[in-house]
């Protein structure tokens, strides 16, 4: 199940990234891409924990997901203040 979610998220990220590059709308889609990338990192971290219980790579993926989500939160605060 996690593998299907990971593949679906990866496909959505690639499609949105290509759309943003082709239409030059990266400023509008960057927050959505960051949320999707955070979800992708979280799913990959959970997959690593499922494989091995004490996986350092799992902690790295989950830390990356939290970092992405915190930067998205900062981005939303910047947009709201404008």
PDB file of N, CA and C in Angstrom:
ATOM      1  N   UNK A   1       0.815  -1.187   0.000  1.00  0.00           N
ATOM      2  CA  UNK A   1       0.000   0.000   0.000  1.00  0.00           C
ATOM      3  C   UNK A   1       0.866   1.262   0.000  1.00  0.00           C
ATOM      4  N   UNK A   2       1.927   1.261   0.800  1.00  0.00           N
ATOM      5  CA  UNK A   2       2.810   2.420   0.833  1.00  0.00           C
ATOM      6  C   UNK A   2       3.510   2.616  -0.509  1.00  0.00           C
ATOM      7  N   UNK A   3       3.812   1.519  -1.182  1.00  0.00           N
ATOM      8  CA  UNK A   3       4.486   1.633  -2.471  1.00  0.00           C
ATOM      9  C   UNK A   3       3.571   2.293  -3.500  1.00  0.00           C
ATOM     10  N   UNK A   4       2.281   1.947  -3.477  1.00  0.00           N
ATOM     11  CA  UNK A   4       1.330   2.563  -4.404  1.00  0.00           C
ATOM     12  C   UNK A   4       1.191   4.060  -4.131  1.00  0.00           C
ATOM     13  N   UNK A   5       1.118   4.417  -2.856  1.00  0.00           N
ATOM     14  CA  UNK A   5       1.014   5.828  -2.488  1.00  0.00           C
ATOM     15  C   UNK A   5       2.269   6.580  -2.922  1.00  0.00           C
ATOM     16  N   UNK A   6       3.438   5.951  -2.736  1.00  0.00           N
ATOM     17  CA  UNK A   6       4.694   6.590  -3.126  1.00  0.00           C
ATOM     18  C   UNK A   6       4.743   6.823  -4.629  1.00  0.00           C
ATOM     19  N   UNK A   7       4.315   5.840  -5.412  1.00  0.00           N
ATOM     20  CA  UNK A   7       4.330   5.977  -6.875  1.00  0.00           C
ATOM     21  C   UNK A   7       3.353   7.056  -7.320  1.00  0.00           C
ATOM     22  N   UNK A   8       2.163   7.078  -6.726  1.00  0.00           N
ATOM     23  CA  UNK A   8       1.168   8.084  -7.092  1.00  0.00           C
ATOM     24  C   UNK A   8       1.665   9.486  -6.758  1.00  0.00           C
ATOM     25  N   UNK A   9       2.238   9.663  -5.556  1.00  0.00           N
ATOM     26  CA  UNK A   9       2.774  10.966  -5.181  1.00  0.00           C
ATOM     27  C   UNK A   9       3.917  11.393  -6.092  1.00  0.00           C
ATOM     28  N   UNK A  10       4.783  10.459  -6.443  1.00  0.00           N
ATOM     29  CA  UNK A  10       5.906  10.790  -7.324  1.00  0.00           C
ATOM     30  C   UNK A  10       5.417  11.223  -8.702  1.00  0.00           C
ATOM     31  N   UNK A  11       4.416  10.537  -9.224  1.00  0.00           N
ATOM     32  CA  UNK A  11       3.869  10.906 -10.533  1.00  0.00           C
ATOM     33  C   UNK A  11       3.227  12.290 -10.477  1.00  0.00           C
ATOM     34  N   UNK A  12       2.485  12.565  -9.417  1.00  0.00           N
ATOM     35  CA  UNK A  12       1.846  13.879  -9.281  1.00  0.00           C
ATOM     36  C   UNK A  12       2.901  14.979  -9.175  1.00  0.00           C
ATOM     37  N   UNK A  13       3.964  14.732  -8.409  1.00  0.00           N
ATOM     38  CA  UNK A  13       5.038  15.726  -8.272  1.00  0.00           C
ATOM     39  C   UNK A  13       5.706  15.994  -9.613  1.00  0.00           C
ATOM     40  N   UNK A  14       5.983  14.950 -10.369  1.00  0.00           N
ATOM     41  CA  UNK A  14       6.637  15.127 -11.674  1.00  0.00           C
ATOM     42  C   UNK A  14       5.724  15.888 -12.627  1.00  0.00           C
ATOM     43  N   UNK A  15       4.440  15.551 -12.657  1.00  0.00           N
ATOM     44  CA  UNK A  15       3.511  16.219 -13.565  1.00  0.00           C
ATOM     45  C   UNK A  15       3.356  17.696 -13.191  1.00  0.00           C
ATOM     46  N   UNK A  16       3.195  17.989 -11.896  1.00  0.00           N
ATOM     47  CA  UNK A  16       3.065  19.384 -11.484  1.00  0.00           C
ATOM     48  C   UNK A  16       4.349  20.172 -11.724  1.00  0.00           C
ATOM     49  N   UNK A  17       5.486  19.542 -11.528  1.00  0.00           N
ATOM     50  CA  UNK A  17       6.757  20.217 -11.787  1.00  0.00           C
ATOM     51  C   UNK A  17       6.916  20.544 -13.261  1.00  0.00           C
ATOM     52  N   UNK A  18       6.576  19.600 -14.114  1.00  0.00           N
ATOM     53  CA  UNK A  18       6.655  19.854 -15.553  1.00  0.00           C
ATOM     54  C   UNK A  18       5.680  20.957 -15.953  1.00  0.00           C
ATOM     55  N   UNK A  19       4.483  20.936 -15.405  1.00  0.00           N
ATOM     56  CA  UNK A  19       3.498  21.969 -15.714  1.00  0.00           C
ATOM     57  C   UNK A  19       3.997  23.347 -15.272  1.00  0.00           C
ATOM     58  N   UNK A  20       4.580  23.405 -14.074  1.00  0.00           N
ATOM     59  CA  UNK A  20       5.077  24.679 -13.558  1.00  0.00           C
ATOM     60  C   UNK A  20       6.221  25.217 -14.415  1.00  0.00           C
ATOM     61  N   UNK A  21       7.085  24.334 -14.875  1.00  0.00           N
ATOM     62  CA  UNK A  21       8.202  24.783 -15.718  1.00  0.00           C
ATOM     63  C   UNK A  21       7.737  25.212 -17.102  1.00  0.00           C
ATOM     64  N   UNK A  22       6.780  24.503 -17.650  1.00  0.00           N
ATOM     65  CA  UNK A  22       6.321  24.836 -19.002  1.00  0.00           C
ATOM     66  C   UNK A  22       5.467  26.100 -19.039  1.00  0.00           C
ATOM     67  N   UNK A  23       4.692  26.341 -17.998  1.00  0.00           N
ATOM     68  CA  UNK A  23       3.819  27.509 -17.988  1.00  0.00           C
ATOM     69  C   UNK A  23       4.405  28.670 -17.194  1.00  0.00           C
ATOM     70  N   UNK A  24       5.579  28.502 -16.619  1.00  0.00           N
ATOM     71  CA  UNK A  24       6.266  29.534 -15.844  1.00  0.00           C
ATOM     72  C   UNK A  24       5.422  30.020 -14.662  1.00  0.00           C
ATOM     73  N   UNK A  25       4.786  29.078 -13.970  1.00  0.00           N
ATOM     74  CA  UNK A  25       3.975  29.396 -12.798  1.00  0.00           C
ATOM     75  C   UNK A  25       4.550  28.741 -11.550  1.00  0.00           C
ATOM     76  N   UNK A  26       5.855  28.803 -11.410  1.00  0.00           N
ATOM     77  CA  UNK A  26       6.481  28.143 -10.268  1.00  0.00           C
ATOM     78  C   UNK A  26       6.125  28.810  -8.948  1.00  0.00           C
ATOM     79  N   UNK A  27       5.897  30.114  -8.964  1.00  0.00           N
ATOM     80  CA  UNK A  27       5.574  30.818  -7.723  1.00  0.00           C
ATOM     81  C   UNK A  27       4.237  30.355  -7.146  1.00  0.00           C
ATOM     82  N   UNK A  28       3.311  29.991  -7.995  1.00  0.00           N
ATOM     83  CA  UNK A  28       1.994  29.572  -7.525  1.00  0.00           C
ATOM     84  C   UNK A  28       1.978  28.112  -7.075  1.00  0.00           C
ATOM     85  N   UNK A  29       2.778  27.285  -7.694  1.00  0.00           N
ATOM     86  CA  UNK A  29       2.704  25.850  -7.426  1.00  0.00           C
ATOM     87  C   UNK A  29       3.757  25.348  -6.446  1.00  0.00           C
ATOM     88  N   UNK A  30       4.682  26.220  -6.033  1.00  0.00           N
ATOM     89  CA  UNK A  30       5.781  25.748  -5.189  1.00  0.00           C
ATOM     90  C   UNK A  30       5.280  25.235  -3.835  1.00  0.00           C
ATOM     91  N   UNK A  31       4.258  25.860  -3.271  1.00  0.00           N
ATOM     92  CA  UNK A  31       3.767  25.397  -1.971  1.00  0.00           C
ATOM     93  C   UNK A  31       3.105  24.029  -2.084  1.00  0.00           C
ATOM     94  N   UNK A  32       2.356  23.811  -3.168  1.00  0.00           N
ATOM     95  CA  UNK A  32       1.736  22.505  -3.363  1.00  0.00           C
ATOM     96  C   UNK A  32       2.778  21.425  -3.620  1.00  0.00           C
ATOM     97  N   UNK A  33       3.798  21.785  -4.363  1.00  0.00           N
ATOM     98  CA  UNK A  33       4.873  20.819  -4.622  1.00  0.00           C
ATOM     99  C   UNK A  33       5.620  20.458  -3.344  1.00  0.00           C
ATOM    100  N   UNK A  34       5.830  21.447  -2.479  1.00  0.00           N
ATOM    101  CA  UNK A  34       6.530  21.172  -1.222  1.00  0.00           C
ATOM    102  C   UNK A  34       5.706  20.263  -0.308  1.00  0.00           C
ATOM    103  N   UNK A  35       4.396  20.462  -0.286  1.00  0.00           N
ATOM    104  CA  UNK A  35       3.530  19.595   0.532  1.00  0.00           C
ATOM    105  C   UNK A  35       3.562  18.169  -0.020  1.00  0.00           C
ATOM    106  N   UNK A  36       3.490  18.041  -1.342  1.00  0.00           N
ATOM    107  CA  UNK A  36       3.542  16.707  -1.949  1.00  0.00           C
ATOM    108  C   UNK A  36       4.898  16.042  -1.733  1.00  0.00           C
ATOM    109  N   UNK A  37       5.972  16.818  -1.829  1.00  0.00           N
ATOM    110  CA  UNK A  37       7.298  16.255  -1.566  1.00  0.00           C
ATOM    111  C   UNK A  37       7.450  15.847  -0.101  1.00  0.00           C
ATOM    112  N   UNK A  38       6.857  16.613   0.801  1.00  0.00           N
ATOM    113  CA  UNK A  38       6.885  16.231   2.206  1.00  0.00           C
ATOM    114  C   UNK A  38       6.125  14.924   2.415  1.00  0.00           C
ATOM    115  N   UNK A  39       4.987  14.787   1.764  1.00  0.00           N
ATOM    116  CA  UNK A  39       4.238  13.533   1.849  1.00  0.00           C
ATOM    117  C   UNK A  39       5.011  12.369   1.274  1.00  0.00           C
ATOM    118  N   UNK A  40       5.700  12.621   0.164  1.00  0.00           N
ATOM    119  CA  UNK A  40       6.518  11.583  -0.449  1.00  0.00           C
ATOM    120  C   UNK A  40       7.665  11.169   0.470  1.00  0.00           C
ATOM    121  N   UNK A  41       8.310  12.140   1.091  1.00  0.00           N
ATOM    122  CA  UNK A  41       9.391  11.821   2.028  1.00  0.00           C
ATOM    123  C   UNK A  41       8.875  11.063   3.245  1.00  0.00           C
ATOM    124  N   UNK A  42       7.696  11.447   3.718  1.00  0.00           N
ATOM    125  CA  UNK A  42       7.112  10.758   4.867  1.00  0.00           C
ATOM    126  C   UNK A  42       6.799   9.302   4.532  1.00  0.00           C
ATOM    127  N   UNK A  43       6.216   9.069   3.360  1.00  0.00           N
ATOM    128  CA  UNK A  43       5.900   7.705   2.948  1.00  0.00           C
ATOM    129  C   UNK A  43       7.174   6.884   2.783  1.00  0.00           C
ATOM    130  N   UNK A  44       8.208   7.488   2.214  1.00  0.00           N
ATOM    131  CA  UNK A  44       9.472   6.767   2.049  1.00  0.00           C
ATOM    132  C   UNK A  44      10.105   6.448   3.401  1.00  0.00           C
ATOM    133  N   UNK A  45       9.979   7.378   4.359  1.00  0.00           N
ATOM    134  CA  UNK A  45      10.483   7.112   5.704  1.00  0.00           C
ATOM    135  C   UNK A  45       9.726   5.983   6.381  1.00  0.00           C
ATOM    136  N   UNK A  46       8.416   5.973   6.215  1.00  0.00           N
ATOM    137  CA  UNK A  46       7.613   4.883   6.791  1.00  0.00           C
ATOM    138  C   UNK A  46       7.953   3.542   6.153  1.00  0.00           C
ATOM    139  N   UNK A  47       8.248   3.555   4.844  1.00  0.00           N
ATOM    140  CA  UNK A  47       8.668   2.313   4.187  1.00  0.00           C
ATOM    141  C   UNK A  47       9.985   1.801   4.756  1.00  0.00           C
ATOM    142  N   UNK A  48      10.909   2.724   5.023  1.00  0.00           N
ATOM    143  CA  UNK A  48      12.188   2.318   5.606  1.00  0.00           C
ATOM    144  C   UNK A  48      12.009   1.747   7.006  1.00  0.00           C
ATOM    145  N   UNK A  49      11.126   2.362   7.806  1.00  0.00           N
ATOM    146  CA  UNK A  49      10.860   1.829   9.136  1.00  0.00           C
ATOM    147  C   UNK A  49      10.181   0.468   9.072  1.00  0.00           C
ATOM    148  N   UNK A  50       9.385   0.266   8.027  1.00  0.00           N
ATOM    149  CA  UNK A  50       8.730  -1.029   7.874  1.00  0.00           C
ATOM    150  C   UNK A  50       9.751  -2.115   7.534  1.00  0.00           C
ATOM    151  N   UNK A  51      10.783  -1.745   6.754  1.00  0.00           N
ATOM    152  CA  UNK A  51      11.825  -2.712   6.397  1.00  0.00           C
ATOM    153  C   UNK A  51      12.676  -3.060   7.613  1.00  0.00           C
ATOM    154  N   UNK A  52      13.268  -2.045   8.202  1.00  0.00           N
ATOM    155  CA  UNK A  52      14.103  -2.242   9.393  1.00  0.00           C
ATOM    156  C   UNK A  52      13.665  -1.263  10.465  1.00  0.00           C
ATOM    157  N   UNK A  53      13.571  -1.729  11.677  1.00  0.00           N
ATOM    158  CA  UNK A  53      13.002  -0.935  12.763  1.00  0.00           C
ATOM    159  C   UNK A  53      13.860   0.299  13.086  1.00  0.00           C
ATOM    160  N   UNK A  54      15.157   0.155  13.181  1.00  0.00           N
ATOM    161  CA  UNK A  54      16.036   1.266  13.553  1.00  0.00           C
ATOM    162  C   UNK A  54      16.797   1.773  12.344  1.00  0.00           C
ATOM    163  N   UNK A  55      16.088   2.249  11.367  1.00  0.00           N
ATOM    164  CA  UNK A  55      16.699   2.708  10.131  1.00  0.00           C
ATOM    165  C   UNK A  55      17.044   4.193  10.233  1.00  0.00           C
ATOM    166  N   UNK A  56      18.316   4.505  10.027  1.00  0.00           N
ATOM    167  CA  UNK A  56      18.742   5.901  10.036  1.00  0.00           C
ATOM    168  C   UNK A  56      18.136   6.636   8.848  1.00  0.00           C
ATOM    169  N   UNK A  57      18.041   5.959   7.729  1.00  0.00           N
ATOM    170  CA  UNK A  57      17.475   6.569   6.532  1.00  0.00           C
ATOM    171  C   UNK A  57      16.008   6.936   6.740  1.00  0.00           C
ATOM    172  N   UNK A  58      15.289   6.157   7.520  1.00  0.00           N
ATOM    173  CA  UNK A  58      13.903   6.492   7.842  1.00  0.00           C
ATOM    174  C   UNK A  58      13.807   7.791   8.618  1.00  0.00           C
ATOM    175  N   UNK A  59      14.717   7.972   9.593  1.00  0.00           N
ATOM    176  CA  UNK A  59      14.753   9.225  10.337  1.00  0.00           C
ATOM    177  C   UNK A  59      15.098  10.404   9.436  1.00  0.00           C
ATOM    178  N   UNK A  60      15.984  10.191   8.477  1.00  0.00           N
ATOM    179  CA  UNK A  60      16.362  11.255   7.546  1.00  0.00           C
ATOM    180  C   UNK A  60      15.164  11.656   6.688  1.00  0.00           C
ATOM    181  N   UNK A  61      14.429  10.678   6.176  1.00  0.00           N
ATOM    182  CA  UNK A  61      13.259  10.980   5.355  1.00  0.00           C
ATOM    183  C   UNK A  61      12.188  11.720   6.147  1.00  0.00           C
ATOM    184  N   UNK A  62      11.954  11.294   7.374  1.00  0.00           N
ATOM    185  CA  UNK A  62      10.928  11.955   8.192  1.00  0.00           C
ATOM    186  C   UNK A  62      11.390  13.357   8.584  1.00  0.00           C
ATOM    187  N   UNK A  63      12.672  13.516   8.858  1.00  0.00           N
ATOM    188  CA  UNK A  63      13.201  14.857   9.127  1.00  0.00           C
ATOM    189  C   UNK A  63      13.076  15.765   7.925  1.00  0.00           C
ATOM    190  N   UNK A  64      13.309  15.215   6.746  1.00  0.00           N
ATOM    191  CA  UNK A  64      13.139  15.995   5.514  1.00  0.00           C
ATOM    192  C   UNK A  64      11.692  16.398   5.319  1.00  0.00           C
ATOM    193  N   UNK A  65      10.773  15.504   5.621  1.00  0.00           N
ATOM    194  CA  UNK A  65       9.352  15.827   5.502  1.00  0.00           C
ATOM    195  C   UNK A  65       8.972  16.963   6.452  1.00  0.00           C
ATOM    196  N   UNK A  66       9.469  16.908   7.671  1.00  0.00           N
ATOM    197  CA  UNK A  66       9.169  17.975   8.628  1.00  0.00           C
ATOM    198  C   UNK A  66       9.783  19.302   8.198  1.00  0.00           C
ATOM    199  N   UNK A  67      10.973  19.253   7.634  1.00  0.00           N
ATOM    200  CA  UNK A  67      11.616  20.470   7.139  1.00  0.00           C
ATOM    201  C   UNK A  67      10.828  21.074   5.986  1.00  0.00           C
ATOM    202  N   UNK A  68      10.361  20.238   5.079  1.00  0.00           N
ATOM    203  CA  UNK A  68       9.545  20.727   3.959  1.00  0.00           C
ATOM    204  C   UNK A  68       8.253  21.350   4.458  1.00  0.00           C
ATOM    205  N   UNK A  69       7.615  20.701   5.413  1.00  0.00           N
ATOM    206  CA  UNK A  69       6.358  21.240   5.940  1.00  0.00           C
ATOM    207  C   UNK A  69       6.579  22.548   6.689  1.00  0.00           C
ATOM    208  N   UNK A  70       7.692  22.674   7.403  1.00  0.00           N
ATOM    209  CA  UNK A  70       7.950  23.933   8.098  1.00  0.00           C
ATOM    210  C   UNK A  70       8.244  25.054   7.113  1.00  0.00           C
ATOM    211  N   UNK A  71       8.918  24.755   6.015  1.00  0.00           N
ATOM    212  CA  UNK A  71       9.175  25.797   5.021  1.00  0.00           C
ATOM    213  C   UNK A  71       7.895  26.187   4.291  1.00  0.00           C
ATOM    214  N   UNK A  72       6.989  25.244   4.114  1.00  0.00           N
ATOM    215  CA  UNK A  72       5.691  25.571   3.507  1.00  0.00           C
ATOM    216  C   UNK A  72       4.901  26.469   4.452  1.00  0.00           C
ATOM    217  N   UNK A  73       4.964  26.182   5.731  1.00  0.00           N
ATOM    218  CA  UNK A  73       4.288  27.039   6.709  1.00  0.00           C
ATOM    219  C   UNK A  73       4.828  28.452   6.684  1.00  0.00           C
ATOM    220  N   UNK A  74       6.150  28.596   6.578  1.00  0.00           N
ATOM    221  CA  UNK A  74       6.745  29.920   6.462  1.00  0.00           C
ATOM    222  C   UNK A  74       6.326  30.601   5.164  1.00  0.00           C
ATOM    223  N   UNK A  75       6.245  29.839   4.090  1.00  0.00           N
ATOM    224  CA  UNK A  75       5.835  30.392   2.801  1.00  0.00           C
ATOM    225  C   UNK A  75       4.395  30.897   2.865  1.00  0.00           C
ATOM    226  N   UNK A  76       3.513  30.135   3.518  1.00  0.00           N
ATOM    227  CA  UNK A  76       2.131  30.583   3.663  1.00  0.00           C
ATOM    228  C   UNK A  76       2.042  31.852   4.526  1.00  0.00           C
ATOM    229  N   UNK A  77       2.870  31.944   5.563  1.00  0.00           N
ATOM    230  CA  UNK A  77       2.866  33.147   6.388  1.00  0.00           C
ATOM    231  C   UNK A  77       3.345  34.357   5.611  1.00  0.00           C
ATOM    232  N   UNK A  78       4.322  34.175   4.754  1.00  0.00           N
ATOM    233  CA  UNK A  78       4.817  35.276   3.925  1.00  0.00           C
ATOM    234  C   UNK A  78       3.740  35.716   2.950  1.00  0.00           C
ATOM    235  N   UNK A  79       3.031  34.762   2.366  1.00  0.00           N
ATOM    236  CA  UNK A  79       1.966  35.105   1.404  1.00  0.00           C
ATOM    237  C   UNK A  79       0.829  35.831   2.110  1.00  0.00           C
ATOM    238  N   UNK A  80       0.486  35.403   3.320  1.00  0.00           N
ATOM    239  CA  UNK A  80      -0.616  36.019   4.047  1.00  0.00           C
ATOM    240  C   UNK A  80      -0.266  37.466   4.434  1.00  0.00           C
ATOM    241  N   UNK A  81       0.988  37.734   4.787  1.00  0.00           N
ATOM    242  CA  UNK A  81       1.384  39.074   5.210  1.00  0.00           C
ATOM    243  C   UNK A  81       1.402  40.069   4.051  1.00  0.00           C
ATOM    244  N   UNK A  82       1.483  39.585   2.822  1.00  0.00           N
ATOM    245  CA  UNK A  82       1.460  40.512   1.680  1.00  0.00           C
ATOM    246  C   UNK A  82       0.090  40.998   1.508  1.00  0.00           C
TER     247      UNK A  82
END
